[in-house]
Amino acid sequence: MCTTEFHLTANFDRAAWQYRPRPWPGRAVLFQAEEVAYIYRDAGPNYGWEGHVRAGIEVVPVPGDHATVVLGQNAEVLARSLGAAIARASAPAVPDPAQRRGTA
């Protein structure tokens, strides 16, 4: 392992051990590889994020595995899905007409 690779790995490991997620009131989109390594199969459908993301998680399946979701046609699917998620998140909220009338 080269020196740069060693430092990158060491810093990643240190950051991962120090990270403590806090509850977040919003929604999240989880882009999930369709091929999951056996060591992660018992992690649950949201990999534990449901304990931190309060308004729900939308799971978007992406072809491939952890390493190949960003390659070739898999990357095209991921990019389209990500673009759609960004567009939804950027769209102005449409108020419920019943709430505007005070009947909700």
N, C-alpha and C. Protein backbone atom coordinates (compact mmCIF):
# COMPACT_ATOMS: atom_id res chain seq x y z
N MET A 1 0.86 -1.17 0.00
CA MET A 1 0.00 0.00 0.00
C MET A 1 0.90 1.23 0.00
N CYS A 2 0.63 2.17 -0.90
CA CYS A 2 1.45 3.38 -0.97
C CYS A 2 1.09 4.30 0.19
N THR A 3 1.96 5.27 0.44
CA THR A 3 1.78 6.19 1.56
C THR A 3 0.47 6.96 1.47
N THR A 4 0.15 7.44 0.27
CA THR A 4 -1.10 8.20 0.10
C THR A 4 -2.31 7.33 0.42
N GLU A 5 -2.30 6.12 -0.09
CA GLU A 5 -3.41 5.19 0.16
C GLU A 5 -3.53 4.88 1.64
N PHE A 6 -2.40 4.69 2.30
CA PHE A 6 -2.40 4.42 3.73
C PHE A 6 -3.05 5.56 4.50
N HIS A 7 -2.65 6.80 4.19
CA HIS A 7 -3.19 7.97 4.89
C HIS A 7 -4.69 8.15 4.61
N LEU A 8 -5.10 7.92 3.37
CA LEU A 8 -6.52 8.02 3.04
C LEU A 8 -7.32 7.00 3.83
N THR A 9 -6.84 5.77 3.87
CA THR A 9 -7.54 4.71 4.60
C THR A 9 -7.57 5.01 6.09
N ALA A 10 -6.46 5.45 6.64
CA ALA A 10 -6.40 5.76 8.07
C ALA A 10 -7.34 6.90 8.42
N ASN A 11 -7.37 7.94 7.60
CA ASN A 11 -8.26 9.08 7.87
C ASN A 11 -9.72 8.69 7.72
N PHE A 12 -10.04 7.86 6.72
CA PHE A 12 -11.41 7.39 6.56
C PHE A 12 -11.84 6.59 7.78
N ASP A 13 -11.00 5.67 8.23
CA ASP A 13 -11.32 4.86 9.40
C ASP A 13 -11.54 5.73 10.64
N ARG A 14 -10.69 6.71 10.83
CA ARG A 14 -10.82 7.60 11.99
C ARG A 14 -12.13 8.38 11.91
N ALA A 15 -12.44 8.93 10.74
CA ALA A 15 -13.68 9.70 10.58
C ALA A 15 -14.90 8.82 10.80
N ALA A 16 -14.86 7.60 10.29
CA ALA A 16 -16.00 6.69 10.45
C ALA A 16 -16.23 6.35 11.92
N TRP A 17 -15.19 6.15 12.67
CA TRP A 17 -15.35 5.82 14.09
C TRP A 17 -15.82 7.02 14.90
N GLN A 18 -15.49 8.24 14.48
CA GLN A 18 -15.88 9.43 15.22
C GLN A 18 -17.26 9.95 14.84
N TYR A 19 -17.79 9.53 13.70
CA TYR A 19 -19.07 10.05 13.21
C TYR A 19 -20.22 9.60 14.10
N ARG A 20 -21.04 10.54 14.52
CA ARG A 20 -22.23 10.26 15.32
C ARG A 20 -23.41 10.97 14.66
N PRO A 21 -24.20 10.25 13.88
CA PRO A 21 -25.34 10.91 13.23
C PRO A 21 -26.35 11.39 14.25
N ARG A 22 -26.99 12.52 13.95
CA ARG A 22 -28.03 13.07 14.80
C ARG A 22 -29.35 13.02 14.05
N PRO A 23 -30.47 13.00 14.75
CA PRO A 23 -31.77 12.99 14.07
C PRO A 23 -31.91 14.18 13.14
N TRP A 24 -32.53 13.93 12.00
CA TRP A 24 -32.76 14.98 11.01
C TRP A 24 -34.25 14.99 10.69
N PRO A 25 -34.92 16.14 10.71
CA PRO A 25 -36.37 16.19 10.54
C PRO A 25 -36.85 16.00 9.10
N GLY A 26 -35.96 16.03 8.13
CA GLY A 26 -36.37 15.96 6.73
C GLY A 26 -36.50 14.55 6.19
N ARG A 27 -36.75 14.48 4.88
CA ARG A 27 -36.80 13.21 4.14
C ARG A 27 -35.44 12.99 3.49
N ALA A 28 -35.16 11.75 3.15
CA ALA A 28 -33.90 11.43 2.48
C ALA A 28 -34.17 10.44 1.35
N VAL A 29 -33.27 10.45 0.39
CA VAL A 29 -33.31 9.48 -0.70
C VAL A 29 -32.07 8.61 -0.57
N LEU A 30 -32.28 7.31 -0.50
CA LEU A 30 -31.19 6.35 -0.41
C LEU A 30 -31.07 5.63 -1.75
N PHE A 31 -29.97 5.86 -2.45
CA PHE A 31 -29.71 5.17 -3.70
C PHE A 31 -29.01 3.87 -3.33
N GLN A 32 -29.71 2.77 -3.56
CA GLN A 32 -29.27 1.48 -3.04
C GLN A 32 -28.92 0.54 -4.19
N ALA A 33 -27.71 0.01 -4.15
CA ALA A 33 -27.28 -0.97 -5.15
C ALA A 33 -28.18 -2.20 -5.08
N GLU A 34 -28.59 -2.70 -6.23
CA GLU A 34 -29.45 -3.89 -6.26
C GLU A 34 -28.71 -5.14 -5.81
N GLU A 35 -27.40 -5.18 -6.04
CA GLU A 35 -26.58 -6.32 -5.60
C GLU A 35 -25.89 -5.93 -4.30
N VAL A 36 -26.30 -6.55 -3.21
CA VAL A 36 -25.79 -6.20 -1.89
C VAL A 36 -24.87 -7.32 -1.39
N ALA A 37 -23.70 -6.94 -0.93
CA ALA A 37 -22.76 -7.91 -0.37
C ALA A 37 -23.41 -8.61 0.83
N TYR A 38 -23.12 -9.86 0.99
CA TYR A 38 -23.77 -10.66 2.04
C TYR A 38 -23.59 -10.06 3.43
N ILE A 39 -22.49 -9.38 3.69
CA ILE A 39 -22.26 -8.82 5.03
C ILE A 39 -23.22 -7.67 5.36
N TYR A 40 -23.89 -7.10 4.34
CA TYR A 40 -24.82 -6.00 4.56
C TYR A 40 -26.28 -6.43 4.45
N ARG A 41 -26.54 -7.66 4.12
CA ARG A 41 -27.92 -8.09 3.87
C ARG A 41 -28.81 -8.04 5.09
N ASP A 42 -28.25 -8.10 6.28
CA ASP A 42 -29.05 -8.03 7.51
C ASP A 42 -29.16 -6.61 8.05
N ALA A 43 -28.69 -5.62 7.30
CA ALA A 43 -28.68 -4.24 7.78
C ALA A 43 -30.06 -3.59 7.71
N GLY A 44 -31.03 -4.25 7.09
CA GLY A 44 -32.37 -3.69 6.95
C GLY A 44 -32.49 -2.91 5.66
N PRO A 45 -33.72 -2.60 5.26
CA PRO A 45 -33.94 -1.97 3.96
C PRO A 45 -33.37 -0.55 3.86
N ASN A 46 -33.16 0.11 4.99
CA ASN A 46 -32.64 1.48 4.97
C ASN A 46 -31.28 1.59 5.63
N TYR A 47 -30.64 0.46 5.85
CA TYR A 47 -29.29 0.42 6.46
C TYR A 47 -29.19 1.17 7.78
N GLY A 48 -30.29 1.25 8.51
CA GLY A 48 -30.27 1.89 9.82
C GLY A 48 -30.56 3.38 9.80
N TRP A 49 -30.71 3.98 8.63
CA TRP A 49 -30.96 5.43 8.56
C TRP A 49 -32.35 5.81 9.08
N GLU A 50 -33.27 4.85 9.13
CA GLU A 50 -34.62 5.19 9.62
C GLU A 50 -34.59 5.68 11.06
N GLY A 51 -33.56 5.37 11.79
CA GLY A 51 -33.43 5.85 13.16
C GLY A 51 -32.95 7.30 13.24
N HIS A 52 -32.54 7.86 12.12
CA HIS A 52 -32.00 9.22 12.11
C HIS A 52 -32.79 10.18 11.22
N VAL A 53 -33.42 9.66 10.18
CA VAL A 53 -34.18 10.49 9.23
C VAL A 53 -35.65 10.41 9.63
N ARG A 54 -36.19 11.50 10.15
CA ARG A 54 -37.52 11.49 10.77
C ARG A 54 -38.70 11.50 9.80
N ALA A 55 -38.57 12.13 8.63
CA ALA A 55 -39.73 12.28 7.74
C ALA A 55 -39.79 11.19 6.67
N GLY A 56 -38.98 10.17 6.78
CA GLY A 56 -39.06 9.05 5.86
C GLY A 56 -37.90 8.98 4.87
N ILE A 57 -37.74 7.79 4.34
CA ILE A 57 -36.65 7.51 3.40
C ILE A 57 -37.24 6.89 2.14
N GLU A 58 -36.90 7.46 1.01
CA GLU A 58 -37.27 6.89 -0.28
C GLU A 58 -36.08 6.08 -0.76
N VAL A 59 -36.28 4.80 -1.01
CA VAL A 59 -35.21 3.94 -1.49
C VAL A 59 -35.32 3.83 -3.01
N VAL A 60 -34.23 4.17 -3.69
CA VAL A 60 -34.17 4.09 -5.15
C VAL A 60 -33.16 3.01 -5.52
N PRO A 61 -33.63 1.89 -6.08
CA PRO A 61 -32.70 0.84 -6.47
C PRO A 61 -31.89 1.26 -7.70
N VAL A 62 -30.61 0.93 -7.67
CA VAL A 62 -29.70 1.23 -8.78
C VAL A 62 -29.01 -0.08 -9.17
N PRO A 63 -28.96 -0.39 -10.47
CA PRO A 63 -28.30 -1.62 -10.89
C PRO A 63 -26.84 -1.65 -10.47
N GLY A 64 -26.37 -2.84 -10.16
CA GLY A 64 -24.96 -3.02 -9.82
C GLY A 64 -24.75 -3.27 -8.35
N ASP A 65 -23.48 -3.23 -7.97
CA ASP A 65 -23.11 -3.38 -6.57
C ASP A 65 -22.44 -2.09 -6.10
N HIS A 66 -21.91 -2.11 -4.89
CA HIS A 66 -21.33 -0.90 -4.30
C HIS A 66 -20.29 -0.25 -5.23
N ALA A 67 -19.49 -1.07 -5.89
CA ALA A 67 -18.41 -0.55 -6.72
C ALA A 67 -18.86 -0.22 -8.14
N THR A 68 -19.96 -0.80 -8.62
CA THR A 68 -20.32 -0.62 -10.02
C THR A 68 -21.53 0.29 -10.27
N VAL A 69 -22.13 0.84 -9.20
CA VAL A 69 -23.28 1.73 -9.42
C VAL A 69 -22.86 3.02 -10.13
N VAL A 70 -21.59 3.33 -10.12
CA VAL A 70 -21.10 4.55 -10.76
C VAL A 70 -20.39 4.28 -12.07
N LEU A 71 -20.61 3.09 -12.65
CA LEU A 71 -19.94 2.72 -13.90
C LEU A 71 -20.95 2.46 -15.01
N GLY A 72 -20.63 2.91 -16.22
CA GLY A 72 -21.40 2.58 -17.41
C GLY A 72 -22.88 2.88 -17.31
N GLN A 73 -23.68 1.91 -17.74
CA GLN A 73 -25.14 2.09 -17.75
C GLN A 73 -25.70 2.25 -16.34
N ASN A 74 -25.05 1.64 -15.36
CA ASN A 74 -25.51 1.81 -13.97
C ASN A 74 -25.41 3.28 -13.57
N ALA A 75 -24.32 3.93 -13.98
CA ALA A 75 -24.13 5.34 -13.66
C ALA A 75 -25.20 6.19 -14.32
N GLU A 76 -25.62 5.81 -15.52
CA GLU A 76 -26.68 6.55 -16.20
C GLU A 76 -27.99 6.47 -15.41
N VAL A 77 -28.31 5.29 -14.91
CA VAL A 77 -29.52 5.12 -14.08
C VAL A 77 -29.39 5.96 -12.81
N LEU A 78 -28.24 5.89 -12.19
CA LEU A 78 -28.00 6.66 -10.96
C LEU A 78 -28.14 8.16 -11.23
N ALA A 79 -27.54 8.63 -12.32
CA ALA A 79 -27.59 10.06 -12.65
C ALA A 79 -29.03 10.52 -12.91
N ARG A 80 -29.80 9.73 -13.65
CA ARG A 80 -31.20 10.09 -13.90
C ARG A 80 -31.99 10.13 -12.60
N SER A 81 -31.80 9.12 -11.76
CA SER A 81 -32.51 9.05 -10.48
C SER A 81 -32.12 10.21 -9.57
N LEU A 82 -30.85 10.54 -9.54
CA LEU A 82 -30.37 11.64 -8.72
C LEU A 82 -30.92 12.97 -9.24
N GLY A 83 -30.93 13.14 -10.57
CA GLY A 83 -31.49 14.36 -11.15
C GLY A 83 -32.96 14.52 -10.80
N ALA A 84 -33.72 13.43 -10.87
CA ALA A 84 -35.15 13.47 -10.53
C ALA A 84 -35.33 13.83 -9.04
N ALA A 85 -34.50 13.27 -8.18
CA ALA A 85 -34.60 13.56 -6.74
C ALA A 85 -34.28 15.02 -6.46
N ILE A 86 -33.28 15.55 -7.14
CA ILE A 86 -32.92 16.96 -6.95
C ILE A 86 -34.05 17.85 -7.44
N ALA A 87 -34.65 17.50 -8.57
CA ALA A 87 -35.76 18.29 -9.10
C ALA A 87 -36.94 18.29 -8.13
N ARG A 88 -37.25 17.12 -7.54
CA ARG A 88 -38.35 17.05 -6.57
C ARG A 88 -38.05 17.89 -5.34
N ALA A 89 -36.80 17.81 -4.88
CA ALA A 89 -36.42 18.55 -3.67
C ALA A 89 -36.38 20.06 -3.93
N SER A 90 -36.12 20.45 -5.17
CA SER A 90 -36.01 21.87 -5.52
C SER A 90 -37.34 22.50 -5.87
N ALA A 91 -38.34 21.66 -6.15
CA ALA A 91 -39.66 22.19 -6.54
C ALA A 91 -40.31 22.89 -5.36
N PRO A 92 -40.96 24.02 -5.63
CA PRO A 92 -41.66 24.70 -4.53
C PRO A 92 -42.78 23.82 -3.99
N ALA A 93 -42.99 23.90 -2.71
CA ALA A 93 -44.06 23.12 -2.08
C ALA A 93 -45.40 23.64 -2.56
N VAL A 94 -46.29 22.74 -2.89
CA VAL A 94 -47.64 23.11 -3.32
C VAL A 94 -48.54 22.97 -2.10
N PRO A 95 -49.12 24.08 -1.64
CA PRO A 95 -49.97 23.99 -0.45
C PRO A 95 -51.25 23.22 -0.74
N ASP A 96 -51.73 22.54 0.26
CA ASP A 96 -52.98 21.80 0.18
C ASP A 96 -54.12 22.82 0.17
N PRO A 97 -55.00 22.79 -0.85
CA PRO A 97 -56.09 23.77 -0.92
C PRO A 97 -56.98 23.76 0.34
N ALA A 98 -57.16 22.60 0.95
CA ALA A 98 -57.98 22.52 2.16
C ALA A 98 -57.33 23.30 3.30
N GLN A 99 -56.00 23.27 3.37
CA GLN A 99 -55.31 24.00 4.43
C GLN A 99 -55.41 25.50 4.22
N ARG A 100 -55.42 25.95 2.97
CA ARG A 100 -55.55 27.38 2.70
C ARG A 100 -56.92 27.90 3.15
N ARG A 101 -57.96 27.06 3.02
CA ARG A 101 -59.31 27.47 3.43
C ARG A 101 -59.53 27.29 4.92
N GLY A 102 -58.57 26.66 5.57
CA GLY A 102 -58.71 26.43 6.99
C GLY A 102 -59.64 25.27 7.32
N THR A 103 -59.82 24.34 6.37
CA THR A 103 -60.74 23.21 6.60
C THR A 103 -60.00 21.92 6.85
N ALA A 104 -58.69 21.97 6.94
CA ALA A 104 -57.94 20.73 7.12
C ALA A 104 -57.88 20.34 8.57
